[in-house]
Amino acid sequence: MPIDPVCGMNVHETQPENESFYKGIKYYFCSAFCREEFDRDPGAYMYTGPDESEADYHGESIDSED
C-alpha cells in the first residue's frame, strides 16, 4: 500500500484524482489537499537517504555508529 509523501498516511491506489507524477514516478495521496501541497514543491517531500528525520517519518530508529 503506498504512503502519502506529505502526511505519511497509507493510501489506496483507487482514487486517480489523488495521484501525481514527479520525475516519472507516480505518487498517491490521501486527499486533494496533500496532492496540491506536493505539486507546489515535490522536491520538499523527497529524501536523499537515511537520516534521523527520515527515520522519524517512517517510525524507524537508526543506530548510530560512533
PDB file of N, CA and C in Angstrom:
ATOM      1  N   MET A   1       0.853  -1.178   0.000  1.00  0.00           N
ATOM      2  CA  MET A   1       0.000   0.000   0.000  1.00  0.00           C
ATOM      3  C   MET A   1       0.899   1.242   0.000  1.00  0.00           C
ATOM      4  N   PRO A   2       0.677   2.160  -0.925  1.00  0.00           N
ATOM      5  CA  PRO A   2       1.505   3.374  -0.978  1.00  0.00           C
ATOM      6  C   PRO A   2       1.304   4.272   0.242  1.00  0.00           C
ATOM      7  N   ILE A   3       2.313   5.086   0.493  1.00  0.00           N
ATOM      8  CA  ILE A   3       2.259   6.041   1.601  1.00  0.00           C
ATOM      9  C   ILE A   3       2.260   7.450   1.022  1.00  0.00           C
ATOM     10  N   ASP A   4       1.346   8.265   1.494  1.00  0.00           N
ATOM     11  CA  ASP A   4       1.262   9.666   1.087  1.00  0.00           C
ATOM     12  C   ASP A   4       2.547  10.356   1.524  1.00  0.00           C
ATOM     13  N   PRO A   5       3.336  10.922   0.578  1.00  0.00           N
ATOM     14  CA  PRO A   5       4.601  11.544   0.966  1.00  0.00           C
ATOM     15  C   PRO A   5       4.447  12.839   1.759  1.00  0.00           C
ATOM     16  N   VAL A   6       3.255  13.411   1.781  1.00  0.00           N
ATOM     17  CA  VAL A   6       3.033  14.657   2.512  1.00  0.00           C
ATOM     18  C   VAL A   6       2.708  14.385   3.967  1.00  0.00           C
ATOM     19  N   CYS A   7       1.733  13.520   4.227  1.00  0.00           N
ATOM     20  CA  CYS A   7       1.281  13.308   5.606  1.00  0.00           C
ATOM     21  C   CYS A   7       1.675  11.954   6.186  1.00  0.00           C
ATOM     22  N   GLY A   8       2.133  11.023   5.331  1.00  0.00           N
ATOM     23  CA  GLY A   8       2.570   9.725   5.817  1.00  0.00           C
ATOM     24  C   GLY A   8       1.489   8.680   5.962  1.00  0.00           C
ATOM     25  N   MET A   9       0.262   9.009   5.567  1.00  0.00           N
ATOM     26  CA  MET A   9      -0.835   8.034   5.677  1.00  0.00           C
ATOM     27  C   MET A   9      -0.727   6.960   4.604  1.00  0.00           C
ATOM     28  N   ASN A  10      -1.198   5.753   4.925  1.00  0.00           N
ATOM     29  CA  ASN A  10      -1.351   4.718   3.911  1.00  0.00           C
ATOM     30  C   ASN A  10      -2.525   5.113   3.028  1.00  0.00           C
ATOM     31  N   VAL A  11      -2.375   4.952   1.716  1.00  0.00           N
ATOM     32  CA  VAL A  11      -3.442   5.334   0.795  1.00  0.00           C
ATOM     33  C   VAL A  11      -3.742   4.203  -0.171  1.00  0.00           C
ATOM     34  N   HIS A  12      -4.959   4.190  -0.672  1.00  0.00           N
ATOM     35  CA  HIS A  12      -5.379   3.210  -1.661  1.00  0.00           C
ATOM     36  C   HIS A  12      -5.135   3.776  -3.049  1.00  0.00           C
ATOM     37  N   GLU A  13      -4.794   2.924  -3.976  1.00  0.00           N
ATOM     38  CA  GLU A  13      -4.494   3.348  -5.336  1.00  0.00           C
ATOM     39  C   GLU A  13      -5.753   3.496  -6.185  1.00  0.00           C
ATOM     40  N   THR A  14      -6.905   3.505  -5.576  1.00  0.00           N
ATOM     41  CA  THR A  14      -8.163   3.505  -6.328  1.00  0.00           C
ATOM     42  C   THR A  14      -8.729   4.893  -6.568  1.00  0.00           C
ATOM     43  N   GLN A  15      -8.041   5.950  -6.164  1.00  0.00           N
ATOM     44  CA  GLN A  15      -8.538   7.308  -6.351  1.00  0.00           C
ATOM     45  C   GLN A  15      -7.589   8.077  -7.264  1.00  0.00           C
ATOM     46  N   PRO A  16      -7.743   7.932  -8.592  1.00  0.00           N
ATOM     47  CA  PRO A  16      -6.797   8.557  -9.515  1.00  0.00           C
ATOM     48  C   PRO A  16      -6.767  10.077  -9.438  1.00  0.00           C
ATOM     49  N   GLU A  17      -7.804  10.692  -8.898  1.00  0.00           N
ATOM     50  CA  GLU A  17      -7.785  12.149  -8.760  1.00  0.00           C
ATOM     51  C   GLU A  17      -6.793  12.599  -7.699  1.00  0.00           C
ATOM     52  N   ASN A  18      -6.353  11.663  -6.874  1.00  0.00           N
ATOM     53  CA  ASN A  18      -5.386  11.992  -5.826  1.00  0.00           C
ATOM     54  C   ASN A  18      -4.039  11.341  -6.101  1.00  0.00           C
ATOM     55  N   GLU A  19      -3.589  11.455  -7.343  1.00  0.00           N
ATOM     56  CA  GLU A  19      -2.263  10.971  -7.691  1.00  0.00           C
ATOM     57  C   GLU A  19      -1.546  12.046  -8.501  1.00  0.00           C
ATOM     58  N   SER A  20      -0.237  11.976  -8.491  1.00  0.00           N
ATOM     59  CA  SER A  20       0.566  12.952  -9.207  1.00  0.00           C
ATOM     60  C   SER A  20       1.863  12.276  -9.629  1.00  0.00           C
ATOM     61  N   PHE A  21       2.514  12.818 -10.645  1.00  0.00           N
ATOM     62  CA  PHE A  21       3.781  12.289 -11.119  1.00  0.00           C
ATOM     63  C   PHE A  21       4.891  13.285 -10.829  1.00  0.00           C
ATOM     64  N   TYR A  22       6.044  12.753 -10.464  1.00  0.00           N
ATOM     65  CA  TYR A  22       7.238  13.571 -10.281  1.00  0.00           C
ATOM     66  C   TYR A  22       8.423  12.748 -10.749  1.00  0.00           C
ATOM     67  N   LYS A  23       9.161  13.284 -11.714  1.00  0.00           N
ATOM     68  CA  LYS A  23      10.316  12.605 -12.305  1.00  0.00           C
ATOM     69  C   LYS A  23       9.970  11.192 -12.748  1.00  0.00           C
ATOM     70  N   GLY A  24       8.781  11.042 -13.357  1.00  0.00           N
ATOM     71  CA  GLY A  24       8.368   9.763 -13.913  1.00  0.00           C
ATOM     72  C   GLY A  24       7.829   8.756 -12.922  1.00  0.00           C
ATOM     73  N   ILE A  25       7.692   9.136 -11.679  1.00  0.00           N
ATOM     74  CA  ILE A  25       7.182   8.230 -10.641  1.00  0.00           C
ATOM     75  C   ILE A  25       5.815   8.721 -10.189  1.00  0.00           C
ATOM     76  N   LYS A  26       4.885   7.784 -10.068  1.00  0.00           N
ATOM     77  CA  LYS A  26       3.531   8.122  -9.621  1.00  0.00           C
ATOM     78  C   LYS A  26       3.472   8.087  -8.099  1.00  0.00           C
ATOM     79  N   TYR A  27       2.922   9.136  -7.514  1.00  0.00           N
ATOM     80  CA  TYR A  27       2.722   9.233  -6.066  1.00  0.00           C
ATOM     81  C   TYR A  27       1.232   9.316  -5.789  1.00  0.00           C
ATOM     82  N   TYR A  28       0.807   8.715  -4.686  1.00  0.00           N
ATOM     83  CA  TYR A  28      -0.605   8.694  -4.288  1.00  0.00           C
ATOM     84  C   TYR A  28      -0.791   9.522  -3.021  1.00  0.00           C
ATOM     85  N   PHE A  29      -1.978  10.092  -2.887  1.00  0.00           N
ATOM     86  CA  PHE A  29      -2.262  10.998  -1.774  1.00  0.00           C
ATOM     87  C   PHE A  29      -3.614  10.667  -1.149  1.00  0.00           C
ATOM     88  N   CYS A  30      -3.730  10.974   0.130  1.00  0.00           N
ATOM     89  CA  CYS A  30      -4.963  10.693   0.861  1.00  0.00           C
ATOM     90  C   CYS A  30      -6.063  11.676   0.504  1.00  0.00           C
ATOM     91  N   SER A  31      -5.671  12.859   0.007  1.00  0.00           N
ATOM     92  CA  SER A  31      -6.664  13.894  -0.290  1.00  0.00           C
ATOM     93  C   SER A  31      -6.124  14.847  -1.344  1.00  0.00           C
ATOM     94  N   ALA A  32      -7.008  15.654  -1.896  1.00  0.00           N
ATOM     95  CA  ALA A  32      -6.607  16.678  -2.852  1.00  0.00           C
ATOM     96  C   ALA A  32      -5.685  17.690  -2.181  1.00  0.00           C
ATOM     97  N   PHE A  33      -5.898  17.965  -0.912  1.00  0.00           N
ATOM     98  CA  PHE A  33      -5.046  18.909  -0.187  1.00  0.00           C
ATOM     99  C   PHE A  33      -3.586  18.454  -0.209  1.00  0.00           C
ATOM    100  N   CYS A  34      -3.348  17.191   0.143  1.00  0.00           N
ATOM    101  CA  CYS A  34      -1.973  16.682   0.164  1.00  0.00           C
ATOM    102  C   CYS A  34      -1.381  16.667  -1.244  1.00  0.00           C
ATOM    103  N   ARG A  35      -2.184  16.305  -2.239  1.00  0.00           N
ATOM    104  CA  ARG A  35      -1.701  16.321  -3.618  1.00  0.00           C
ATOM    105  C   ARG A  35      -1.292  17.730  -4.037  1.00  0.00           C
ATOM    106  N   GLU A  36      -2.095  18.711  -3.701  1.00  0.00           N
ATOM    107  CA  GLU A  36      -1.792  20.103  -4.052  1.00  0.00           C
ATOM    108  C   GLU A  36      -0.533  20.593  -3.343  1.00  0.00           C
ATOM    109  N   GLU A  37      -0.357  20.216  -2.072  1.00  0.00           N
ATOM    110  CA  GLU A  37       0.849  20.585  -1.339  1.00  0.00           C
ATOM    111  C   GLU A  37       2.085  19.987  -2.015  1.00  0.00           C
ATOM    112  N   PHE A  38       1.995  18.729  -2.401  1.00  0.00           N
ATOM    113  CA  PHE A  38       3.095  18.058  -3.084  1.00  0.00           C
ATOM    114  C   PHE A  38       3.393  18.740  -4.414  1.00  0.00           C
ATOM    115  N   ASP A  39       2.363  19.038  -5.188  1.00  0.00           N
ATOM    116  CA  ASP A  39       2.543  19.636  -6.512  1.00  0.00           C
ATOM    117  C   ASP A  39       3.190  21.018  -6.443  1.00  0.00           C
ATOM    118  N   ARG A  40       3.020  21.728  -5.346  1.00  0.00           N
ATOM    119  CA  ARG A  40       3.659  23.048  -5.197  1.00  0.00           C
ATOM    120  C   ARG A  40       5.171  22.950  -5.108  1.00  0.00           C
ATOM    121  N   ASP A  41       5.675  21.887  -4.451  1.00  0.00           N
ATOM    122  CA  ASP A  41       7.118  21.735  -4.273  1.00  0.00           C
ATOM    123  C   ASP A  41       7.448  20.261  -4.023  1.00  0.00           C
ATOM    124  N   PRO A  42       7.404  19.432  -5.078  1.00  0.00           N
ATOM    125  CA  PRO A  42       7.630  17.997  -4.893  1.00  0.00           C
ATOM    126  C   PRO A  42       8.978  17.675  -4.260  1.00  0.00           C
ATOM    127  N   GLY A  43       9.998  18.439  -4.587  1.00  0.00           N
ATOM    128  CA  GLY A  43      11.324  18.170  -4.048  1.00  0.00           C
ATOM    129  C   GLY A  43      11.390  18.245  -2.537  1.00  0.00           C
ATOM    130  N   ALA A  44      10.505  19.005  -1.939  1.00  0.00           N
ATOM    131  CA  ALA A  44      10.490  19.131  -0.481  1.00  0.00           C
ATOM    132  C   ALA A  44      10.085  17.824   0.201  1.00  0.00           C
ATOM    133  N   TYR A  45       9.476  16.917  -0.552  1.00  0.00           N
ATOM    134  CA  TYR A  45       9.000  15.657   0.018  1.00  0.00           C
ATOM    135  C   TYR A  45       9.850  14.459  -0.401  1.00  0.00           C
ATOM    136  N   MET A  46      10.969  14.734  -1.063  1.00  0.00           N
ATOM    137  CA  MET A  46      11.873  13.668  -1.474  1.00  0.00           C
ATOM    138  C   MET A  46      12.992  13.548  -0.458  1.00  0.00           C
ATOM    139  N   TYR A  47      13.440  12.337  -0.210  1.00  0.00           N
ATOM    140  CA  TYR A  47      14.503  12.074   0.748  1.00  0.00           C
ATOM    141  C   TYR A  47      15.734  11.606   0.006  1.00  0.00           C
ATOM    142  N   THR A  48      16.892  12.063   0.421  1.00  0.00           N
ATOM    143  CA  THR A  48      18.128  11.708  -0.258  1.00  0.00           C
ATOM    144  C   THR A  48      18.792  10.478   0.350  1.00  0.00           C
ATOM    145  N   GLY A  49      18.373  10.073   1.511  1.00  0.00           N
ATOM    146  CA  GLY A  49      18.963   8.903   2.143  1.00  0.00           C
ATOM    147  C   GLY A  49      18.584   8.864   3.598  1.00  0.00           C
ATOM    148  N   PRO A  50      18.953   7.775   4.268  1.00  0.00           N
ATOM    149  CA  PRO A  50      18.555   7.653   5.665  1.00  0.00           C
ATOM    150  C   PRO A  50      19.254   8.686   6.545  1.00  0.00           C
ATOM    151  N   ASP A  51      18.447   9.374   7.300  1.00  0.00           N
ATOM    152  CA  ASP A  51      18.958  10.260   8.333  1.00  0.00           C
ATOM    153  C   ASP A  51      17.928  10.278   9.449  1.00  0.00           C
ATOM    154  N   GLU A  52      18.192  10.989  10.483  1.00  0.00           N
ATOM    155  CA  GLU A  52      17.313  10.936  11.653  1.00  0.00           C
ATOM    156  C   GLU A  52      15.907  11.402  11.337  1.00  0.00           C
ATOM    157  N   SER A  53      15.747  12.460  10.541  1.00  0.00           N
ATOM    158  CA  SER A  53      14.406  12.963  10.251  1.00  0.00           C
ATOM    159  C   SER A  53      13.622  11.959   9.422  1.00  0.00           C
ATOM    160  N   GLU A  54      14.262  11.279   8.477  1.00  0.00           N
ATOM    161  CA  GLU A  54      13.559  10.281   7.682  1.00  0.00           C
ATOM    162  C   GLU A  54      13.181   9.091   8.542  1.00  0.00           C
ATOM    163  N   ALA A  55      14.048   8.703   9.475  1.00  0.00           N
ATOM    164  CA  ALA A  55      13.737   7.584  10.359  1.00  0.00           C
ATOM    165  C   ALA A  55      12.505   7.898  11.179  1.00  0.00           C
ATOM    166  N   ASP A  56      12.405   9.120  11.684  1.00  0.00           N
ATOM    167  CA  ASP A  56      11.222   9.511  12.445  1.00  0.00           C
ATOM    168  C   ASP A  56       9.986   9.457  11.571  1.00  0.00           C
ATOM    169  N   TYR A  57      10.097   9.866  10.320  1.00  0.00           N
ATOM    170  CA  TYR A  57       8.964   9.876   9.393  1.00  0.00           C
ATOM    171  C   TYR A  57       8.427   8.471   9.185  1.00  0.00           C
ATOM    172  N   HIS A  58       9.321   7.493   9.089  1.00  0.00           N
ATOM    173  CA  HIS A  58       8.907   6.123   8.830  1.00  0.00           C
ATOM    174  C   HIS A  58       8.707   5.314  10.110  1.00  0.00           C
ATOM    175  N   GLY A  59       8.899   5.945  11.254  1.00  0.00           N
ATOM    176  CA  GLY A  59       8.691   5.243  12.507  1.00  0.00           C
ATOM    177  C   GLY A  59       9.788   4.245  12.826  1.00  0.00           C
ATOM    178  N   GLU A  60      10.964   4.417  12.242  1.00  0.00           N
ATOM    179  CA  GLU A  60      12.073   3.511  12.471  1.00  0.00           C
ATOM    180  C   GLU A  60      13.130   4.225  13.302  1.00  0.00           C
ATOM    181  N   SER A  61      14.009   3.464  13.869  1.00  0.00           N
ATOM    182  CA  SER A  61      15.133   4.083  14.565  1.00  0.00           C
ATOM    183  C   SER A  61      16.413   3.672  13.855  1.00  0.00           C
ATOM    184  N   ILE A  62      17.386   4.556  13.894  1.00  0.00           N
ATOM    185  CA  ILE A  62      18.674   4.277  13.276  1.00  0.00           C
ATOM    186  C   ILE A  62      19.713   4.255  14.391  1.00  0.00           C
ATOM    187  N   ASP A  63      20.475   3.185  14.447  1.00  0.00           N
ATOM    188  CA  ASP A  63      21.546   3.090  15.440  1.00  0.00           C
ATOM    189  C   ASP A  63      22.748   3.853  14.910  1.00  0.00           C
ATOM    190  N   SER A  64      23.286   4.737  15.727  1.00  0.00           N
ATOM    191  CA  SER A  64      24.462   5.499  15.295  1.00  0.00           C
ATOM    192  C   SER A  64      25.709   4.696  15.624  1.00  0.00           C
ATOM    193  N   GLU A  65      26.679   4.795  14.714  1.00  0.00           N
ATOM    194  CA  GLU A  65      27.960   4.139  14.929  1.00  0.00           C
ATOM    195  C   GLU A  65      28.979   5.205  15.242  1.00  0.00           C
ATOM    196  N   ASP A  66      29.477   5.222  16.454  1.00  0.00           N
ATOM    197  CA  ASP A  66      30.481   6.218  16.862  1.00  0.00           C
ATOM    198  C   ASP A  66      31.835   5.616  16.936  1.00  0.00           C
TER     199      ASP A  66
END
